[in-house]
Amino acid sequence: MASTFSLVNAFTIIQPILLLQYTHKEAVSGGKKKVVMFVSRNIPAEHKDLIHDVSYDFHGRRMATCSSDQTVKIWDVGENGEWHCTASWKTHSGSVWRVTWAHPEFGQVIATCSFDRTVVVWEEVVGESVKEGGPSRWTKRTSLVDSRTSVTDVKFAPKHLGLQLVTCSADGIVRIYEAPDVMNLSQWSLQHEISCKLSCSCVSWNPSRSHPPLLAIGSDDSNPSAGGKVQIYEYNDTTRKWNRVETIVMVTDPVHDLEFAPNLGRSHHLLSIASKDLKIVSIKPLREANVNAQSGVSKFEMRLVGEFPDHDSQVWRICWNVTGTILASSGDDGCVRTWKANYMGSWKCVAIMKGDGSQQDMERNPTAPAHGFMNGSNNGAGVRYVKPSPITNQSHVVWH
């Protein structure tokens, strides 16, 4: 059985884009288990400045890139697996930090945010040239100008929440917009404003349907005394307000990226955090006292299930696969690392891909599994796996 997803390690690079297609397979070769296989492909991006973000659409057949050259490019994959740029245009008057796709139920729609303090929603106009495989045309539907500082991130909400859009800014304000009529994308109303008291760098929706809407907001504030740099907000349908329910105090370094994992039947949520290292946090709703009767705020158990300094540098981007079982991270060490949990919930690195597309040998550069915590651990003080000593008498089984 194999699961495949693609990711791009494209932060602070000019060209080309390195596209990594990762397949997880259980195979035995020479008596040793081989679990990963990479197929890498270089794509000449032809951006004139740094690429800040790469985003796939829902089906993984289209890709958008944005850059400090103020442009966005749309890429489509052909039947032969080759990627072709089908649209390129200037979107802002400053560096474009992020680009994101809406669910295809709402059409071919993307949103971009920029240093110029705006968020722009774009929609593809389908014409005869597009049907014949020619270049596509994208039209600006609206420009959201409420922010007074650089808009650092933008994300569309999961489909079941409707056509909503969340933005965060360097002034610490998170704004949530909604399109009242999905057929008219020129009209967006500001529904909520959340003041986080810290400069915001990234935001992520929780995709789970089984829990009220959750938002994770990361801050790149460099002051360690400012407290936890990740805040969790929950929407209360009764009061129609977003309430801060948790602050992850174990994260005190600037946060560059964070993302909730897709939840397929888990009783808890997983949140990955990219900072000076990689962290994976379990957020479990407490069923017995789930909602405070007076405030209407849910209670959660926060637990650090993995902490990985393997990049030995800043971690910039993270990405989950579609089932939420494999995590990929990229850092200043020029490597993409993939992480997977075993049946006991202990996470470890299963593969390393270098920036040139070659795979690093895990045998020669083993990742110490001591950074992954067991499911039974609490508050991050979990059991660690270490190698105490070599086995001298292999006929005896050593139990720990």
Foldseek 3Di string as FASTA:
>chain_A
DWDWDWDWPQFFDADDIKIKIKIFDFDADPNDTATIDIDIDGDGPPHPAGWQDKEAAPVRQKIWIFFQSQKIWIWGADPVRDIDTQDMDRDDPGGWHDKYFDHCVLPTKMWIFGQVQKIWIKHWDDDPQVVVVHHTDIDTQEIGRPGPGGWQEKYFEAPVVAGKMWIFFQQQKIWIWHDPDSVRSNDIDTQDIDHRVAGWHEKEWANDPVFATKMKTAHQDADLVVFAGIWMWGADPVVRYIDTADGLRVHRHHWQYKYWFHDDPDQWIWMWTWGQWIWIKTWHWDPVCQADPPPRHGHTFIFTFFTGNPLVGGWHDKDAGNHRAKIWTDGPSQKIWIWGADPQSWIDTSWIAGNVGDTDDCVVVPGQSQGGFGPPDGRHPGDGDDDPDDDPDVVDDDDD
